[in-house]
Amino acid sequence: MGQINSTNLPEYVPDARQAGTNSRTNGAAAGSGSASQTDAPQDDLQLTKLSGVLNSLKNGASAMRSQLVQVMTAVRSGTYQVDPLQVSRSIVGESIAAR
């Protein structure tokens, strides 16, 4: 999967490079009053922000998956080490916070 951006969106989504034109195909005729030409730049901005959020989530998921694979490998090989002091502090902290 590649990066999500405004250039690989479906046909019915207006192209960000054509921000001044109203090329919607959702049944509303251009100039019918239901969607003005000033809506296009705002829509493009929302799509750009959305693609940024989706890319961040995708990158975060990839990092999480790589950490999970490392931990699974360590557990399977028997080399996974847990700090008992950290575990006990976490248990005590959770039990105090639950009250």
PDB file of N, CA and C in Angstrom:
ATOM      1  N   MET A   1       0.834  -1.182   0.000  1.00  0.00           N
ATOM      2  CA  MET A   1       0.000   0.000   0.000  1.00  0.00           C
ATOM      3  C   MET A   1       0.875   1.240   0.000  1.00  0.00           C
ATOM      4  N   GLY A   2       0.486   2.204  -0.778  1.00  0.00           N
ATOM      5  CA  GLY A   2       1.238   3.442  -0.845  1.00  0.00           C
ATOM      6  C   GLY A   2       0.676   4.489   0.088  1.00  0.00           C
ATOM      7  N   GLN A   3       1.258   5.654   0.033  1.00  0.00           N
ATOM      8  CA  GLN A   3       0.790   6.769   0.838  1.00  0.00           C
ATOM      9  C   GLN A   3      -0.595   7.197   0.356  1.00  0.00           C
ATOM     10  N   ILE A   4      -1.423   7.637   1.273  1.00  0.00           N
ATOM     11  CA  ILE A   4      -2.742   8.141   0.932  1.00  0.00           C
ATOM     12  C   ILE A   4      -2.615   9.635   0.685  1.00  0.00           C
ATOM     13  N   ASN A   5      -3.018  10.081  -0.477  1.00  0.00           N
ATOM     14  CA  ASN A   5      -2.973  11.507  -0.774  1.00  0.00           C
ATOM     15  C   ASN A   5      -4.105  11.846  -1.710  1.00  0.00           C
ATOM     16  N   SER A   6      -4.218  13.103  -2.045  1.00  0.00           N
ATOM     17  CA  SER A   6      -5.338  13.537  -2.868  1.00  0.00           C
ATOM     18  C   SER A   6      -5.190  13.140  -4.332  1.00  0.00           C
ATOM     19  N   THR A   7      -4.073  12.566  -4.727  1.00  0.00           N
ATOM     20  CA  THR A   7      -3.913  12.185  -6.127  1.00  0.00           C
ATOM     21  C   THR A   7      -4.385  10.763  -6.399  1.00  0.00           C
ATOM     22  N   ASN A   8      -4.563   9.938  -5.360  1.00  0.00           N
ATOM     23  CA  ASN A   8      -5.030   8.574  -5.610  1.00  0.00           C
ATOM     24  C   ASN A   8      -6.416   8.335  -5.014  1.00  0.00           C
ATOM     25  N   LEU A   9      -7.241   9.388  -5.001  1.00  0.00           N
ATOM     26  CA  LEU A   9      -8.612   9.277  -4.538  1.00  0.00           C
ATOM     27  C   LEU A   9      -9.501   8.831  -5.693  1.00  0.00           C
ATOM     28  N   PRO A  10     -10.703   8.314  -5.387  1.00  0.00           N
ATOM     29  CA  PRO A  10     -11.613   7.885  -6.454  1.00  0.00           C
ATOM     30  C   PRO A  10     -11.994   9.030  -7.383  1.00  0.00           C
ATOM     31  N   GLU A  11     -12.534   8.675  -8.560  1.00  0.00           N
ATOM     32  CA  GLU A  11     -12.885   9.653  -9.584  1.00  0.00           C
ATOM     33  C   GLU A  11     -13.881  10.699  -9.095  1.00  0.00           C
ATOM     34  N   TYR A  12     -14.821  10.282  -8.230  1.00  0.00           N
ATOM     35  CA  TYR A  12     -15.882  11.212  -7.833  1.00  0.00           C
ATOM     36  C   TYR A  12     -15.421  12.270  -6.848  1.00  0.00           C
ATOM     37  N   VAL A  13     -14.179  12.181  -6.335  1.00  0.00           N
ATOM     38  CA  VAL A  13     -13.637  13.191  -5.439  1.00  0.00           C
ATOM     39  C   VAL A  13     -12.897  14.215  -6.280  1.00  0.00           C
ATOM     40  N   PRO A  14     -13.235  15.510  -6.135  1.00  0.00           N
ATOM     41  CA  PRO A  14     -12.569  16.534  -6.952  1.00  0.00           C
ATOM     42  C   PRO A  14     -11.064  16.555  -6.709  1.00  0.00           C
ATOM     43  N   ASP A  15     -10.325  16.825  -7.760  1.00  0.00           N
ATOM     44  CA  ASP A  15      -8.872  16.887  -7.684  1.00  0.00           C
ATOM     45  C   ASP A  15      -8.460  18.173  -6.978  1.00  0.00           C
ATOM     46  N   ALA A  16      -7.511  18.092  -6.036  1.00  0.00           N
ATOM     47  CA  ALA A  16      -7.062  19.263  -5.280  1.00  0.00           C
ATOM     48  C   ALA A  16      -6.422  20.302  -6.189  1.00  0.00           C
ATOM     49  N   ARG A  17      -5.838  19.870  -7.307  1.00  0.00           N
ATOM     50  CA  ARG A  17      -5.190  20.807  -8.217  1.00  0.00           C
ATOM     51  C   ARG A  17      -6.206  21.620  -8.998  1.00  0.00           C
ATOM     52  N   GLN A  18      -7.465  21.177  -9.021  1.00  0.00           N
ATOM     53  CA  GLN A  18      -8.519  21.894  -9.726  1.00  0.00           C
ATOM     54  C   GLN A  18      -9.457  22.535  -8.710  1.00  0.00           C
ATOM     55  N   ALA A  19      -8.913  23.164  -7.695  1.00  0.00           N
ATOM     56  CA  ALA A  19      -9.692  23.684  -6.577  1.00  0.00           C
ATOM     57  C   ALA A  19     -10.744  24.693  -7.006  1.00  0.00           C
ATOM     58  N   GLY A  20     -10.542  25.422  -8.066  1.00  0.00           N
ATOM     59  CA  GLY A  20     -11.489  26.440  -8.483  1.00  0.00           C
ATOM     60  C   GLY A  20     -12.679  25.902  -9.248  1.00  0.00           C
ATOM     61  N   THR A  21     -12.637  24.654  -9.693  1.00  0.00           N
ATOM     62  CA  THR A  21     -13.730  24.108 -10.478  1.00  0.00           C
ATOM     63  C   THR A  21     -14.606  23.234  -9.622  1.00  0.00           C
ATOM     64  N   ASN A  22     -15.841  23.134  -9.999  1.00  0.00           N
ATOM     65  CA  ASN A  22     -16.800  22.313  -9.269  1.00  0.00           C
ATOM     66  C   ASN A  22     -17.094  21.096 -10.125  1.00  0.00           C
ATOM     67  N   SER A  23     -16.346  20.013  -9.925  1.00  0.00           N
ATOM     68  CA  SER A  23     -16.482  18.832 -10.768  1.00  0.00           C
ATOM     69  C   SER A  23     -17.148  17.695 -10.012  1.00  0.00           C
ATOM     70  N   ARG A  24     -18.138  18.014  -9.193  1.00  0.00           N
ATOM     71  CA  ARG A  24     -18.818  16.979  -8.413  1.00  0.00           C
ATOM     72  C   ARG A  24     -19.766  16.205  -9.313  1.00  0.00           C
ATOM     73  N   THR A  25     -19.888  14.904  -9.043  1.00  0.00           N
ATOM     74  CA  THR A  25     -20.805  14.070  -9.809  1.00  0.00           C
ATOM     75  C   THR A  25     -21.811  13.425  -8.883  1.00  0.00           C
ATOM     76  N   ASN A  26     -22.205  14.104  -7.824  1.00  0.00           N
ATOM     77  CA  ASN A  26     -23.135  13.523  -6.859  1.00  0.00           C
ATOM     78  C   ASN A  26     -24.583  13.846  -7.188  1.00  0.00           C
ATOM     79  N   GLY A  27     -24.882  14.249  -8.385  1.00  0.00           N
ATOM     80  CA  GLY A  27     -26.246  14.510  -8.783  1.00  0.00           C
ATOM     81  C   GLY A  27     -26.585  15.990  -8.756  1.00  0.00           C
ATOM     82  N   ALA A  28     -25.790  16.817  -8.119  1.00  0.00           N
ATOM     83  CA  ALA A  28     -26.050  18.251  -8.077  1.00  0.00           C
ATOM     84  C   ALA A  28     -25.407  18.906  -9.288  1.00  0.00           C
ATOM     85  N   ALA A  29     -26.180  19.685  -9.998  1.00  0.00           N
ATOM     86  CA  ALA A  29     -25.641  20.366 -11.174  1.00  0.00           C
ATOM     87  C   ALA A  29     -24.770  21.520 -10.732  1.00  0.00           C
ATOM     88  N   ALA A  30     -23.735  21.800 -11.503  1.00  0.00           N
ATOM     89  CA  ALA A  30     -22.859  22.916 -11.176  1.00  0.00           C
ATOM     90  C   ALA A  30     -23.657  24.202 -11.268  1.00  0.00           C
ATOM     91  N   GLY A  31     -23.539  25.026 -10.236  1.00  0.00           N
ATOM     92  CA  GLY A  31     -24.247  26.290 -10.222  1.00  0.00           C
ATOM     93  C   GLY A  31     -25.686  26.161  -9.760  1.00  0.00           C
ATOM     94  N   SER A  32     -26.097  25.001  -9.232  1.00  0.00           N
ATOM     95  CA  SER A  32     -27.474  24.825  -8.800  1.00  0.00           C
ATOM     96  C   SER A  32     -27.738  25.432  -7.443  1.00  0.00           C
ATOM     97  N   GLY A  33     -26.689  25.916  -6.770  1.00  0.00           N
ATOM     98  CA  GLY A  33     -26.866  26.545  -5.478  1.00  0.00           C
ATOM     99  C   GLY A  33     -26.614  25.597  -4.324  1.00  0.00           C
ATOM    100  N   SER A  34     -26.596  24.290  -4.569  1.00  0.00           N
ATOM    101  CA  SER A  34     -26.378  23.347  -3.463  1.00  0.00           C
ATOM    102  C   SER A  34     -24.908  23.239  -3.099  1.00  0.00           C
ATOM    103  N   ALA A  35     -24.024  23.525  -4.012  1.00  0.00           N
ATOM    104  CA  ALA A  35     -22.591  23.503  -3.720  1.00  0.00           C
ATOM    105  C   ALA A  35     -21.943  24.638  -4.491  1.00  0.00           C
ATOM    106  N   SER A  36     -21.404  25.598  -3.785  1.00  0.00           N
ATOM    107  CA  SER A  36     -20.786  26.732  -4.468  1.00  0.00           C
ATOM    108  C   SER A  36     -19.325  26.435  -4.764  1.00  0.00           C
ATOM    109  N   GLN A  37     -18.743  27.247  -5.614  1.00  0.00           N
ATOM    110  CA  GLN A  37     -17.353  27.050  -5.989  1.00  0.00           C
ATOM    111  C   GLN A  37     -16.420  27.316  -4.820  1.00  0.00           C
ATOM    112  N   THR A  38     -16.863  28.047  -3.818  1.00  0.00           N
ATOM    113  CA  THR A  38     -15.996  28.317  -2.666  1.00  0.00           C
ATOM    114  C   THR A  38     -15.889  27.105  -1.747  1.00  0.00           C
ATOM    115  N   ASP A  39     -16.752  26.098  -1.936  1.00  0.00           N
ATOM    116  CA  ASP A  39     -16.680  24.894  -1.120  1.00  0.00           C
ATOM    117  C   ASP A  39     -15.502  24.005  -1.507  1.00  0.00           C
ATOM    118  N   ALA A  40     -15.086  24.047  -2.752  1.00  0.00           N
ATOM    119  CA  ALA A  40     -14.046  23.139  -3.241  1.00  0.00           C
ATOM    120  C   ALA A  40     -12.729  23.278  -2.489  1.00  0.00           C
ATOM    121  N   PRO A  41     -12.176  24.477  -2.269  1.00  0.00           N
ATOM    122  CA  PRO A  41     -10.914  24.557  -1.538  1.00  0.00           C
ATOM    123  C   PRO A  41     -11.035  24.031  -0.103  1.00  0.00           C
ATOM    124  N   GLN A  42     -12.166  24.287   0.536  1.00  0.00           N
ATOM    125  CA  GLN A  42     -12.365  23.791   1.900  1.00  0.00           C
ATOM    126  C   GLN A  42     -12.439  22.266   1.898  1.00  0.00           C
ATOM    127  N   ASP A  43     -13.134  21.691   0.914  1.00  0.00           N
ATOM    128  CA  ASP A  43     -13.204  20.239   0.806  1.00  0.00           C
ATOM    129  C   ASP A  43     -11.818  19.650   0.607  1.00  0.00           C
ATOM    130  N   ASP A  44     -11.022  20.304  -0.254  1.00  0.00           N
ATOM    131  CA  ASP A  44      -9.668  19.818  -0.512  1.00  0.00           C
ATOM    132  C   ASP A  44      -8.831  19.867   0.752  1.00  0.00           C
ATOM    133  N   LEU A  45      -9.003  20.929   1.546  1.00  0.00           N
ATOM    134  CA  LEU A  45      -8.261  21.062   2.792  1.00  0.00           C
ATOM    135  C   LEU A  45      -8.646  19.950   3.760  1.00  0.00           C
ATOM    136  N   GLN A  46      -9.934  19.632   3.828  1.00  0.00           N
ATOM    137  CA  GLN A  46     -10.390  18.560   4.709  1.00  0.00           C
ATOM    138  C   GLN A  46      -9.827  17.218   4.254  1.00  0.00           C
ATOM    139  N   LEU A  47      -9.816  16.984   2.941  1.00  0.00           N
ATOM    140  CA  LEU A  47      -9.270  15.734   2.417  1.00  0.00           C
ATOM    141  C   LEU A  47      -7.778  15.635   2.689  1.00  0.00           C
ATOM    142  N   THR A  48      -7.071  16.756   2.571  1.00  0.00           N
ATOM    143  CA  THR A  48      -5.632  16.766   2.837  1.00  0.00           C
ATOM    144  C   THR A  48      -5.373  16.450   4.304  1.00  0.00           C
ATOM    145  N   LYS A  49      -6.158  17.069   5.196  1.00  0.00           N
ATOM    146  CA  LYS A  49      -5.992  16.780   6.627  1.00  0.00           C
ATOM    147  C   LYS A  49      -6.316  15.320   6.921  1.00  0.00           C
ATOM    148  N   LEU A  50      -7.381  14.808   6.316  1.00  0.00           N
ATOM    149  CA  LEU A  50      -7.768  13.424   6.526  1.00  0.00           C
ATOM    150  C   LEU A  50      -6.683  12.477   6.044  1.00  0.00           C
ATOM    151  N   SER A  51      -6.095  12.763   4.883  1.00  0.00           N
ATOM    152  CA  SER A  51      -5.042  11.879   4.378  1.00  0.00           C
ATOM    153  C   SER A  51      -3.831  11.915   5.297  1.00  0.00           C
ATOM    154  N   GLY A  52      -3.537  13.082   5.884  1.00  0.00           N
ATOM    155  CA  GLY A  52      -2.437  13.174   6.848  1.00  0.00           C
ATOM    156  C   GLY A  52      -2.702  12.338   8.089  1.00  0.00           C
ATOM    157  N   VAL A  53      -3.933  12.391   8.590  1.00  0.00           N
ATOM    158  CA  VAL A  53      -4.301  11.594   9.764  1.00  0.00           C
ATOM    159  C   VAL A  53      -4.214  10.106   9.450  1.00  0.00           C
ATOM    160  N   LEU A  54      -4.734   9.711   8.291  1.00  0.00           N
ATOM    161  CA  LEU A  54      -4.693   8.297   7.909  1.00  0.00           C
ATOM    162  C   LEU A  54      -3.261   7.795   7.745  1.00  0.00           C
ATOM    163  N   ASN A  55      -2.397   8.614   7.160  1.00  0.00           N
ATOM    164  CA  ASN A  55      -0.992   8.228   7.019  1.00  0.00           C
ATOM    165  C   ASN A  55      -0.327   8.085   8.383  1.00  0.00           C
ATOM    166  N   SER A  56      -0.648   8.981   9.309  1.00  0.00           N
ATOM    167  CA  SER A  56      -0.082   8.883  10.656  1.00  0.00           C
ATOM    168  C   SER A  56      -0.525   7.600  11.341  1.00  0.00           C
ATOM    169  N   LEU A  57      -1.797   7.278  11.207  1.00  0.00           N
ATOM    170  CA  LEU A  57      -2.308   6.038  11.793  1.00  0.00           C
ATOM    171  C   LEU A  57      -1.639   4.818  11.173  1.00  0.00           C
ATOM    172  N   LYS A  58      -1.456   4.884   9.870  1.00  0.00           N
ATOM    173  CA  LYS A  58      -0.814   3.769   9.169  1.00  0.00           C
ATOM    174  C   LYS A  58       0.627   3.591   9.658  1.00  0.00           C
ATOM    175  N   ASN A  59       1.355   4.710   9.794  1.00  0.00           N
ATOM    176  CA  ASN A  59       2.741   4.629  10.267  1.00  0.00           C
ATOM    177  C   ASN A  59       2.804   4.144  11.707  1.00  0.00           C
ATOM    178  N   GLY A  60       1.879   4.596  12.540  1.00  0.00           N
ATOM    179  CA  GLY A  60       1.830   4.143  13.929  1.00  0.00           C
ATOM    180  C   GLY A  60       1.538   2.655  14.025  1.00  0.00           C
ATOM    181  N   ALA A  61       0.633   2.184  13.174  1.00  0.00           N
ATOM    182  CA  ALA A  61       0.299   0.760  13.166  1.00  0.00           C
ATOM    183  C   ALA A  61       1.503  -0.075  12.714  1.00  0.00           C
ATOM    184  N   SER A  62       2.257   0.431  11.762  1.00  0.00           N
ATOM    185  CA  SER A  62       3.446  -0.285  11.301  1.00  0.00           C
ATOM    186  C   SER A  62       4.485  -0.383  12.411  1.00  0.00           C
ATOM    187  N   ALA A  63       4.677   0.705  13.150  1.00  0.00           N
ATOM    188  CA  ALA A  63       5.638   0.694  14.251  1.00  0.00           C
ATOM    189  C   ALA A  63       5.187  -0.267  15.349  1.00  0.00           C
ATOM    190  N   MET A  64       3.887  -0.251  15.640  1.00  0.00           N
ATOM    191  CA  MET A  64       3.352  -1.149  16.658  1.00  0.00           C
ATOM    192  C   MET A  64       3.520  -2.607  16.247  1.00  0.00           C
ATOM    193  N   ARG A  65       3.260  -2.884  14.979  1.00  0.00           N
ATOM    194  CA  ARG A  65       3.396  -4.253  14.474  1.00  0.00           C
ATOM    195  C   ARG A  65       4.844  -4.718  14.578  1.00  0.00           C
ATOM    196  N   SER A  66       5.785  -3.851  14.258  1.00  0.00           N
ATOM    197  CA  SER A  66       7.189  -4.246  14.319  1.00  0.00           C
ATOM    198  C   SER A  66       7.610  -4.522  15.755  1.00  0.00           C
ATOM    199  N   GLN A  67       7.124  -3.711  16.713  1.00  0.00           N
ATOM    200  CA  GLN A  67       7.418  -3.977  18.129  1.00  0.00           C
ATOM    201  C   GLN A  67       6.810  -5.296  18.561  1.00  0.00           C
ATOM    202  N   LEU A  68       5.588  -5.561  18.139  1.00  0.00           N
ATOM    203  CA  LEU A  68       4.912  -6.800  18.502  1.00  0.00           C
ATOM    204  C   LEU A  68       5.666  -8.014  17.973  1.00  0.00           C
ATOM    205  N   VAL A  69       6.144  -7.926  16.748  1.00  0.00           N
ATOM    206  CA  VAL A  69       6.908  -9.032  16.161  1.00  0.00           C
ATOM    207  C   VAL A  69       8.193  -9.275  16.967  1.00  0.00           C
ATOM    208  N   GLN A  70       8.866  -8.204  17.381  1.00  0.00           N
ATOM    209  CA  GLN A  70      10.089  -8.346  18.177  1.00  0.00           C
ATOM    210  C   GLN A  70       9.798  -9.022  19.513  1.00  0.00           C
ATOM    211  N   VAL A  71       8.719  -8.603  20.169  1.00  0.00           N
ATOM    212  CA  VAL A  71       8.374  -9.195  21.473  1.00  0.00           C
ATOM    213  C   VAL A  71       7.973 -10.653  21.293  1.00  0.00           C
ATOM    214  N   MET A  72       7.176 -10.950  20.270  1.00  0.00           N
ATOM    215  CA  MET A  72       6.765 -12.342  20.023  1.00  0.00           C
ATOM    216  C   MET A  72       7.972 -13.231  19.763  1.00  0.00           C
ATOM    217  N   THR A  73       8.918 -12.721  19.009  1.00  0.00           N
ATOM    218  CA  THR A  73      10.137 -13.486  18.722  1.00  0.00           C
ATOM    219  C   THR A  73      10.918 -13.743  20.002  1.00  0.00           C
ATOM    220  N   ALA A  74      11.036 -12.738  20.847  1.00  0.00           N
ATOM    221  CA  ALA A  74      11.758 -12.898  22.115  1.00  0.00           C
ATOM    222  C   ALA A  74      11.055 -13.881  23.038  1.00  0.00           C
ATOM    223  N   VAL A  75       9.730 -13.833  23.095  1.00  0.00           N
ATOM    224  CA  VAL A  75       8.975 -14.761  23.939  1.00  0.00           C
ATOM    225  C   VAL A  75       9.146 -16.185  23.436  1.00  0.00           C
ATOM    226  N   ARG A  76       9.029 -16.392  22.152  1.00  0.00           N
ATOM    227  CA  ARG A  76       9.165 -17.740  21.581  1.00  0.00           C
ATOM    228  C   ARG A  76      10.561 -18.311  21.794  1.00  0.00           C
ATOM    229  N   SER A  77      11.575 -17.449  21.732  1.00  0.00           N
ATOM    230  CA  SER A  77      12.945 -17.944  21.880  1.00  0.00           C
ATOM    231  C   SER A  77      13.363 -18.048  23.347  1.00  0.00           C
ATOM    232  N   GLY A  78      12.527 -17.540  24.259  1.00  0.00           N
ATOM    233  CA  GLY A  78      12.849 -17.616  25.679  1.00  0.00           C
ATOM    234  C   GLY A  78      13.785 -16.523  26.161  1.00  0.00           C
ATOM    235  N   THR A  79      14.023 -15.518  25.347  1.00  0.00           N
ATOM    236  CA  THR A  79      14.936 -14.441  25.735  1.00  0.00           C
ATOM    237  C   THR A  79      14.213 -13.201  26.255  1.00  0.00           C
ATOM    238  N   TYR A  80      12.877 -13.256  26.356  1.00  0.00           N
ATOM    239  CA  TYR A  80      12.124 -12.104  26.832  1.00  0.00           C
ATOM    240  C   TYR A  80      12.343 -11.956  28.331  1.00  0.00           C
ATOM    241  N   GLN A  81      12.820 -10.803  28.741  1.00  0.00           N
ATOM    242  CA  GLN A  81      13.099 -10.525  30.156  1.00  0.00           C
ATOM    243  C   GLN A  81      12.144  -9.449  30.661  1.00  0.00           C
ATOM    244  N   VAL A  82      11.545  -9.716  31.815  1.00  0.00           N
ATOM    245  CA  VAL A  82      10.642  -8.763  32.437  1.00  0.00           C
ATOM    246  C   VAL A  82      11.293  -8.259  33.709  1.00  0.00           C
ATOM    247  N   ASP A  83      11.254  -6.944  33.916  1.00  0.00           N
ATOM    248  CA  ASP A  83      11.798  -6.344  35.124  1.00  0.00           C
ATOM    249  C   ASP A  83      10.775  -6.520  36.250  1.00  0.00           C
ATOM    250  N   PRO A  84      11.078  -7.369  37.261  1.00  0.00           N
ATOM    251  CA  PRO A  84      10.106  -7.634  38.324  1.00  0.00           C
ATOM    252  C   PRO A  84       9.735  -6.382  39.127  1.00  0.00           C
ATOM    253  N   LEU A  85      10.671  -5.474  39.332  1.00  0.00           N
ATOM    254  CA  LEU A  85      10.391  -4.251  40.071  1.00  0.00           C
ATOM    255  C   LEU A  85       9.374  -3.389  39.307  1.00  0.00           C
ATOM    256  N   GLN A  86       9.541  -3.289  37.994  1.00  0.00           N
ATOM    257  CA  GLN A  86       8.622  -2.511  37.177  1.00  0.00           C
ATOM    258  C   GLN A  86       7.225  -3.137  37.178  1.00  0.00           C
ATOM    259  N   VAL A  87       7.163  -4.467  37.121  1.00  0.00           N
ATOM    260  CA  VAL A  87       5.875  -5.157  37.143  1.00  0.00           C
ATOM    261  C   VAL A  87       5.172  -4.932  38.479  1.00  0.00           C
ATOM    262  N   SER A  88       5.906  -5.061  39.573  1.00  0.00           N
ATOM    263  CA  SER A  88       5.286  -4.882  40.894  1.00  0.00           C
ATOM    264  C   SER A  88       4.808  -3.443  41.081  1.00  0.00           C
ATOM    265  N   ARG A  89       5.581  -2.473  40.635  1.00  0.00           N
ATOM    266  CA  ARG A  89       5.147  -1.075  40.733  1.00  0.00           C
ATOM    267  C   ARG A  89       3.885  -0.828  39.906  1.00  0.00           C
ATOM    268  N   SER A  90       3.824  -1.439  38.756  1.00  0.00           N
ATOM    269  CA  SER A  90       2.654  -1.287  37.910  1.00  0.00           C
ATOM    270  C   SER A  90       1.426  -1.899  38.548  1.00  0.00           C
ATOM    271  N   ILE A  91       1.579  -3.070  39.147  1.00  0.00           N
ATOM    272  CA  ILE A  91       0.458  -3.728  39.827  1.00  0.00           C
ATOM    273  C   ILE A  91      -0.050  -2.870  40.983  1.00  0.00           C
ATOM    274  N   VAL A  92       0.868  -2.379  41.808  1.00  0.00           N
ATOM    275  CA  VAL A  92       0.487  -1.550  42.944  1.00  0.00           C
ATOM    276  C   VAL A  92      -0.164  -0.243  42.446  1.00  0.00           C
ATOM    277  N   GLY A  93       0.405   0.372  41.446  1.00  0.00           N
ATOM    278  CA  GLY A  93      -0.144   1.611  40.898  1.00  0.00           C
ATOM    279  C   GLY A  93      -1.558   1.420  40.351  1.00  0.00           C
ATOM    280  N   GLU A  94      -1.790   0.321  39.642  1.00  0.00           N
ATOM    281  CA  GLU A  94      -3.116   0.021  39.106  1.00  0.00           C
ATOM    282  C   GLU A  94      -4.133  -0.220  40.212  1.00  0.00           C
ATOM    283  N   SER A  95      -3.707  -0.932  41.257  1.00  0.00           N
ATOM    284  CA  SER A  95      -4.649  -1.223  42.348  1.00  0.00           C
ATOM    285  C   SER A  95      -4.990   0.046  43.129  1.00  0.00           C
ATOM    286  N   ILE A  96      -4.033   0.957  43.285  1.00  0.00           N
ATOM    287  CA  ILE A  96      -4.316   2.216  43.971  1.00  0.00           C
ATOM    288  C   ILE A  96      -5.223   3.102  43.128  1.00  0.00           C
ATOM    289  N   ALA A  97      -5.001   3.129  41.820  1.00  0.00           N
ATOM    290  CA  ALA A  97      -5.797   3.955  40.914  1.00  0.00           C
ATOM    291  C   ALA A  97      -7.233   3.438  40.784  1.00  0.00           C
ATOM    292  N   ALA A  98      -7.462   2.151  41.029  1.00  0.00           N
ATOM    293  CA  ALA A  98      -8.781   1.552  40.894  1.00  0.00           C
ATOM    294  C   ALA A  98      -9.708   1.949  42.041  1.00  0.00           C
ATOM    295  N   ARG A  99      -9.173   2.471  43.112  1.00  0.00           N
ATOM    296  CA  ARG A  99     -10.012   2.827  44.274  1.00  0.00           C
ATOM    297  C   ARG A  99     -10.690   4.097  44.095  1.00  0.00           C
TER     298      ARG A  99
END
